[in-house]
Amino acid sequence: MRRIVIGIDPGANGAIAAVDVERRLVLGVALCRDWAPEVEGQGEAARMQADLGWPLVLPAMLRRIGVTVGDVVELCVEASQLRPGQSGGAAQGWRAGALAASVVGELAVITGLPVAVVEVVGASAWTKAMGLHGTKAERDARKRARVARVLELVPDARPMLVGPGCRVEHDGAADAILIALYRARLGRLT
């Protein structure tokens, strides 16, 4: 049995990543925007309704990132947070919860086992533990820093960071990988 940790960055530009802990290998990454259920209508209510469709796409999505029968899976999802001047906290919380709950349900079906652990972590906690808090200039270069940290910890992950049709690394993919590595306690500085 493999120990797999799945990291979820649930934002609009988020992703889901699976890491094989023993082999320190990123099995796969799926960008949420590529798999998100279709929205019929406009506004937050329509988006929230669409999020109820995650269970329809997750079986294929989770298999694509490498989850198989018999895997012992831990899940770590970033908690939604509002930034100053931002609205829509309820909708963001709904999206994160709908995605995470659907992942938990589908993992049990795919692996034949219940999810071993579900952890919700704030962005400031995992970024600090993974060595991504620093000077203002370093925080301003967030995307580059996160991609660099992933490549430092798992150099073979570069293809996972550049999605089909893209020329640059996707920071949502980097975040999902880092969240999984945080849960797996691989690369933590604190």
Protein backbone atom coordinates (compact mmCIF):
# COMPACT_ATOMS: atom_id res chain seq x y z
CA MET A 1 0.00 0.00 0.00
CA ARG A 2 1.25 3.45 -0.91
CA ARG A 3 0.92 6.45 1.39
CA ILE A 4 -0.42 9.27 -0.76
CA VAL A 5 -0.96 12.85 0.36
CA ILE A 6 -3.29 15.02 -1.68
CA GLY A 7 -2.92 18.79 -1.46
CA ILE A 8 -5.75 21.05 -2.52
CA ASP A 9 -5.48 24.73 -3.37
CA PRO A 10 -9.23 25.38 -3.80
CA GLY A 11 -9.07 28.84 -5.40
CA ALA A 12 -10.37 29.74 -8.85
CA ASN A 13 -6.83 29.19 -10.16
CA GLY A 14 -6.24 26.31 -7.77
CA ALA A 15 -5.25 22.71 -8.27
CA ILE A 16 -5.14 19.26 -6.72
CA ALA A 17 -1.84 17.39 -6.41
CA ALA A 18 -0.99 13.84 -5.31
CA VAL A 19 2.37 13.01 -3.73
CA ASP A 20 3.73 9.52 -3.06
CA VAL A 21 5.38 10.15 0.31
CA GLU A 22 7.83 7.22 0.40
CA ARG A 23 9.12 7.82 -3.09
CA ARG A 24 8.96 11.64 -2.66
CA LEU A 25 7.32 11.78 -6.04
CA VAL A 26 4.58 14.03 -7.40
CA LEU A 27 2.22 11.56 -9.06
CA GLY A 28 0.05 14.15 -10.75
CA VAL A 29 -1.54 17.58 -10.71
CA ALA A 30 -4.95 18.65 -12.00
CA LEU A 31 -5.89 22.31 -12.42
CA CYS A 32 -9.34 23.05 -11.02
CA ARG A 33 -10.20 25.33 -13.95
CA ASP A 34 -9.73 22.42 -16.38
CA TRP A 35 -12.07 20.13 -14.42
CA ALA A 36 -14.58 22.54 -12.85
CA PRO A 37 -18.23 21.72 -13.47
CA GLU A 38 -19.94 23.96 -16.01
CA VAL A 39 -21.69 27.02 -14.63
CA GLU A 40 -25.21 27.62 -15.92
CA GLY A 41 -26.13 31.22 -15.27
CA GLN A 42 -24.32 34.13 -13.71
CA GLY A 43 -23.28 35.18 -10.24
CA GLU A 44 -22.15 33.43 -7.11
CA ALA A 45 -25.34 31.38 -6.71
CA ALA A 46 -24.82 29.80 -10.14
CA ARG A 47 -21.17 29.05 -9.32
CA MET A 48 -22.15 27.50 -6.00
CA GLN A 49 -24.78 25.35 -7.77
CA ALA A 50 -22.15 24.20 -10.26
CA ASP A 51 -19.85 23.17 -7.41
CA LEU A 52 -22.37 20.48 -6.52
CA GLY A 53 -21.21 18.76 -9.73
CA TRP A 54 -17.68 18.01 -8.46
CA PRO A 55 -18.57 14.35 -7.69
CA LEU A 56 -19.28 13.85 -11.40
CA VAL A 57 -15.77 14.80 -12.53
CA LEU A 58 -13.65 13.77 -9.55
CA PRO A 59 -13.37 10.04 -10.28
CA ALA A 60 -11.55 10.76 -13.55
CA MET A 61 -9.65 13.70 -12.04
CA LEU A 62 -8.33 11.67 -9.08
CA ARG A 63 -7.36 8.75 -11.29
CA ARG A 64 -5.55 11.18 -13.61
CA ILE A 65 -3.39 12.41 -10.73
CA GLY A 66 -2.44 8.85 -9.81
CA VAL A 67 -4.79 7.61 -7.06
CA THR A 68 -5.47 3.86 -7.26
CA VAL A 69 -7.12 1.03 -5.34
CA GLY A 70 -5.50 0.33 -1.98
CA ASP A 71 -3.76 3.71 -1.57
CA VAL A 72 -3.76 5.06 1.97
CA VAL A 73 -4.64 8.71 1.41
CA GLU A 74 -4.27 11.79 3.57
CA LEU A 75 -5.84 15.05 2.44
CA CYS A 76 -4.71 18.60 3.18
CA VAL A 77 -6.77 21.54 1.93
CA GLU A 78 -5.98 25.22 2.22
CA ALA A 79 -8.61 27.14 4.19
CA SER A 80 -10.31 29.93 2.29
CA GLN A 81 -9.48 33.37 3.51
CA LEU A 82 -10.60 36.87 2.73
CA ARG A 83 -8.12 39.58 2.05
CA PRO A 84 -8.77 43.24 2.82
CA GLY A 85 -11.21 44.74 0.33
CA GLN A 86 -12.32 41.34 -0.95
CA SER A 87 -15.90 40.11 -0.77
CA GLY A 88 -17.53 36.74 -1.24
CA GLY A 89 -16.26 34.89 1.83
CA ALA A 90 -19.31 32.62 1.98
CA ALA A 91 -18.92 31.66 -1.68
CA GLN A 92 -15.20 30.96 -1.27
CA GLY A 93 -15.87 28.82 1.79
CA TRP A 94 -18.60 26.96 -0.09
CA ARG A 95 -16.28 26.25 -3.03
CA ALA A 96 -13.48 24.96 -0.84
CA GLY A 97 -15.87 22.81 1.20
CA ALA A 98 -17.72 21.41 -1.80
CA LEU A 99 -14.47 20.42 -3.50
CA ALA A 100 -12.87 18.92 -0.39
CA ALA A 101 -16.01 17.00 0.64
CA SER A 102 -16.35 15.60 -2.87
CA VAL A 103 -12.69 14.54 -2.90
CA VAL A 104 -13.12 12.71 0.43
CA GLY A 105 -16.15 10.82 -0.87
CA GLU A 106 -14.58 9.85 -4.18
CA LEU A 107 -11.28 8.79 -2.61
CA ALA A 108 -13.13 6.24 -0.49
CA VAL A 109 -14.74 4.83 -3.64
CA ILE A 110 -11.51 4.73 -5.69
CA THR A 111 -9.16 3.39 -2.99
CA GLY A 112 -11.65 1.18 -1.19
CA LEU A 113 -10.50 2.76 2.09
CA PRO A 114 -11.65 5.75 4.10
CA VAL A 115 -9.44 8.85 3.93
CA ALA A 116 -6.88 8.44 6.73
CA VAL A 117 -6.56 12.13 7.64
CA VAL A 118 -8.21 15.38 6.58
CA GLU A 119 -6.36 18.56 7.54
CA VAL A 120 -7.44 22.12 6.83
CA VAL A 121 -4.55 24.57 7.01
CA GLY A 122 -4.34 28.32 6.66
CA ALA A 123 -2.12 29.74 3.94
CA SER A 124 0.06 31.58 6.44
CA ALA A 125 0.73 28.35 8.39
CA TRP A 126 1.82 26.19 5.48
CA THR A 127 3.78 28.93 3.69
CA LYS A 128 5.71 29.72 6.89
CA ALA A 129 6.44 26.05 7.56
CA MET A 130 7.63 25.57 3.98
CA GLY A 131 9.98 28.57 4.16
CA LEU A 132 7.95 30.90 1.97
CA HIS A 133 7.59 33.83 4.37
CA GLY A 134 10.23 36.44 3.94
CA THR A 135 10.83 40.02 3.04
CA LYS A 136 8.20 42.06 1.22
CA ALA A 137 10.15 41.71 -2.02
CA GLU A 138 10.17 37.92 -1.62
CA ARG A 139 6.42 37.85 -0.97
CA ASP A 140 5.88 40.02 -4.05
CA ALA A 141 7.66 37.38 -6.09
CA ARG A 142 5.31 34.72 -4.65
CA LYS A 143 4.77 32.71 -7.81
CA ARG A 144 8.47 32.38 -8.63
CA ALA A 145 9.33 31.56 -5.02
CA ARG A 146 6.73 28.81 -4.77
CA VAL A 147 7.70 27.24 -8.08
CA ALA A 148 11.38 27.38 -7.05
CA ARG A 149 10.59 25.72 -3.69
CA VAL A 150 8.72 22.88 -5.41
CA LEU A 151 11.62 22.31 -7.80
CA GLU A 152 14.08 22.38 -4.88
CA LEU A 153 12.11 19.68 -3.03
CA VAL A 154 11.00 17.55 -6.00
CA PRO A 155 13.00 18.49 -9.12
CA ASP A 156 11.12 15.98 -11.29
CA ALA A 157 7.88 17.94 -10.77
CA ARG A 158 8.59 20.57 -13.47
CA PRO A 159 6.29 18.93 -16.06
CA MET A 160 3.48 18.96 -13.47
CA LEU A 161 3.81 22.73 -13.09
CA VAL A 162 3.35 23.59 -16.77
CA GLY A 163 -0.10 22.57 -17.95
CA PRO A 164 -1.13 21.74 -21.52
CA GLY A 165 -1.03 24.85 -23.70
CA CYS A 166 0.97 26.80 -21.09
CA ARG A 167 4.49 28.18 -21.36
CA VAL A 168 5.05 29.13 -17.73
CA GLU A 169 4.65 27.34 -14.42
CA HIS A 170 1.23 27.51 -12.75
CA ASP A 171 1.38 28.80 -9.18
CA GLY A 172 -1.87 27.00 -8.23
CA ALA A 173 -0.18 23.73 -9.19
CA ALA A 174 2.88 24.72 -7.14
CA ASP A 175 0.66 25.58 -4.16
CA ALA A 176 -1.18 22.25 -4.32
CA ILE A 177 2.13 20.35 -4.43
CA LEU A 178 3.52 22.40 -1.52
CA ILE A 179 0.36 21.83 0.54
CA ALA A 180 0.75 18.07 -0.01
CA LEU A 181 4.45 18.23 0.90
CA TYR A 182 3.54 20.25 4.01
CA ARG A 183 1.14 17.51 5.15
CA ALA A 184 3.73 14.82 4.34
CA ARG A 185 6.28 16.76 6.41
CA LEU A 186 8.67 16.89 3.47
CA GLY A 187 10.59 20.14 3.26
CA ARG A 188 9.20 21.81 6.37
CA LEU A 189 11.53 24.33 7.94
CA THR A 190 9.46 24.86 11.11
